[in-house]
Amino acid sequence: MKEANILLWTTKLYYKYIEAKKSKKNFLILHWWGGKSDSWLNVWKVLEKQWFWVYIPDLPGFWKTKLAKAFSIDSYADMIEDFAWSLGLDNIILLGHSNGWAIATKLV
């Protein structure tokens, strides 16, 4: 598991990721309201064994990612779309829980 950050919209978005050893299937997970990337540690371990690259951002306002302004569900969705584009992710399998699911719904 590695940790990185990317500057999006004047916000330093922190995220964790795991690189698959044999392929490049992208799995993006969005945490729930009050959650954080670490909340999905057990799921990461399973997905890594299935050869997925797993990306889990700490949404703005949670854990290490600071909230510079108020975000709506649309704002979160737009930022996550920019996050995926900035990392060159395509053919993404998307998983979200609670607020993360609301954001995922907007994305699809």
Protein backbone atom coordinates (compact mmCIF):
# COMPACT_ATOMS: atom_id res chain seq x y z
CA MET A 1 0.00 0.00 0.00
CA LYS A 2 1.32 3.40 -0.95
CA GLU A 3 0.15 6.91 -0.11
CA ALA A 4 0.28 9.92 -2.39
CA ASN A 5 -1.46 13.22 -3.00
CA ILE A 6 -2.50 15.20 -6.02
CA LEU A 7 -3.39 18.87 -6.30
CA LEU A 8 -6.93 19.35 -7.61
CA TRP A 9 -8.85 22.62 -7.45
CA THR A 10 -6.33 24.10 -4.98
CA THR A 11 -6.99 21.11 -2.71
CA LYS A 12 -4.30 18.57 -1.91
CA LEU A 13 -6.26 15.32 -2.25
CA TYR A 14 -4.62 12.45 -0.38
CA TYR A 15 -5.15 8.89 -1.51
CA LYS A 16 -3.87 5.39 -0.97
CA TYR A 17 -3.28 2.85 -3.67
CA ILE A 18 -2.12 -0.68 -4.21
CA GLU A 19 -0.50 -1.78 -7.44
CA ALA A 20 -1.53 -5.16 -8.81
CA LYS A 21 1.36 -7.39 -9.65
CA LYS A 22 0.06 -9.01 -12.84
CA SER A 23 -2.46 -6.71 -14.50
CA LYS A 24 -3.91 -3.21 -14.57
CA LYS A 25 -7.57 -3.44 -13.62
CA ASN A 26 -8.62 -0.25 -11.80
CA PHE A 27 -10.84 -0.29 -8.73
CA LEU A 28 -11.84 3.04 -7.19
CA ILE A 29 -13.41 3.07 -3.72
CA LEU A 30 -15.20 6.04 -2.15
CA HIS A 31 -15.60 6.01 1.62
CA TRP A 32 -18.66 6.91 3.66
CA TRP A 33 -19.38 10.16 5.48
CA GLY A 34 -16.90 10.33 8.35
CA GLY A 35 -14.80 7.52 6.87
CA LYS A 36 -11.31 7.50 5.42
CA SER A 37 -9.16 5.47 3.08
CA ASP A 38 -7.93 3.27 5.93
CA SER A 39 -11.52 2.16 6.55
CA TRP A 40 -11.24 -0.14 3.53
CA LEU A 41 -8.02 -1.98 4.49
CA ASN A 42 -9.60 -5.45 4.59
CA VAL A 43 -11.25 -4.94 1.21
CA TRP A 44 -7.91 -3.82 -0.28
CA LYS A 45 -6.28 -7.08 0.70
CA VAL A 46 -8.92 -9.11 -1.13
CA LEU A 47 -8.87 -6.93 -4.25
CA GLU A 48 -5.09 -6.92 -4.47
CA LYS A 49 -5.12 -10.70 -4.63
CA GLN A 50 -7.59 -10.44 -7.50
CA TRP A 51 -5.07 -8.37 -9.51
CA PHE A 52 -6.76 -5.01 -9.13
CA TRP A 53 -5.02 -1.69 -8.77
CA VAL A 54 -6.99 -0.14 -5.91
CA TYR A 55 -7.33 3.62 -5.39
CA ILE A 56 -9.01 5.11 -2.34
CA PRO A 57 -9.00 8.89 -1.91
CA ASP A 58 -9.66 10.65 1.38
CA LEU A 59 -12.53 12.87 0.30
CA PRO A 60 -12.24 16.61 1.02
CA GLY A 61 -13.08 17.28 4.66
CA PHE A 62 -12.02 13.82 5.83
CA TRP A 63 -8.81 12.43 7.28
CA LYS A 64 -5.81 14.13 5.62
CA THR A 65 -7.63 16.00 2.85
CA LYS A 66 -8.65 19.45 4.08
CA LEU A 67 -11.88 21.11 3.07
CA ALA A 68 -11.16 24.55 1.63
CA LYS A 69 -14.80 25.30 0.76
CA ALA A 70 -18.22 23.69 1.06
CA PHE A 71 -18.73 20.71 -1.26
CA SER A 72 -21.98 19.38 -2.69
CA ILE A 73 -22.40 15.84 -3.99
CA ASP A 74 -21.88 17.30 -7.48
CA SER A 75 -18.62 18.96 -6.37
CA TYR A 76 -17.33 15.70 -4.88
CA ALA A 77 -18.27 13.84 -8.08
CA ASP A 78 -16.54 16.42 -10.28
CA MET A 79 -13.37 16.25 -8.17
CA ILE A 80 -13.30 12.45 -8.25
CA GLU A 81 -13.76 12.54 -12.02
CA ASP A 82 -10.79 14.93 -12.25
CA PHE A 83 -8.84 12.63 -9.91
CA ALA A 84 -9.42 9.63 -12.20
CA TRP A 85 -8.52 11.62 -15.33
CA SER A 86 -5.38 13.04 -13.71
CA LEU A 87 -4.15 9.55 -12.84
CA GLY A 88 -5.04 8.24 -16.29
CA LEU A 89 -7.50 5.69 -14.92
CA ASP A 90 -9.90 4.07 -17.35
CA ASN A 91 -12.24 1.09 -17.25
CA ILE A 92 -12.81 1.76 -13.57
CA ILE A 93 -14.80 -0.48 -11.30
CA LEU A 94 -16.41 1.90 -8.81
CA LEU A 95 -17.46 1.10 -5.24
CA GLY A 96 -18.94 3.52 -2.76
CA HIS A 97 -20.68 3.28 0.59
CA SER A 98 -23.17 5.80 2.00
CA ASN A 99 -21.98 9.24 0.88
CA GLY A 100 -19.44 7.50 -1.35
CA TRP A 101 -22.29 5.74 -3.13
CA ALA A 102 -24.12 9.04 -3.65
CA ILE A 103 -20.96 10.40 -5.28
CA ALA A 104 -20.52 7.22 -7.35
CA THR A 105 -24.12 7.50 -8.55
CA LYS A 106 -23.46 11.02 -9.80
CA LEU A 107 -20.34 9.80 -11.61
CA VAL A 108 -22.09 7.07 -13.54
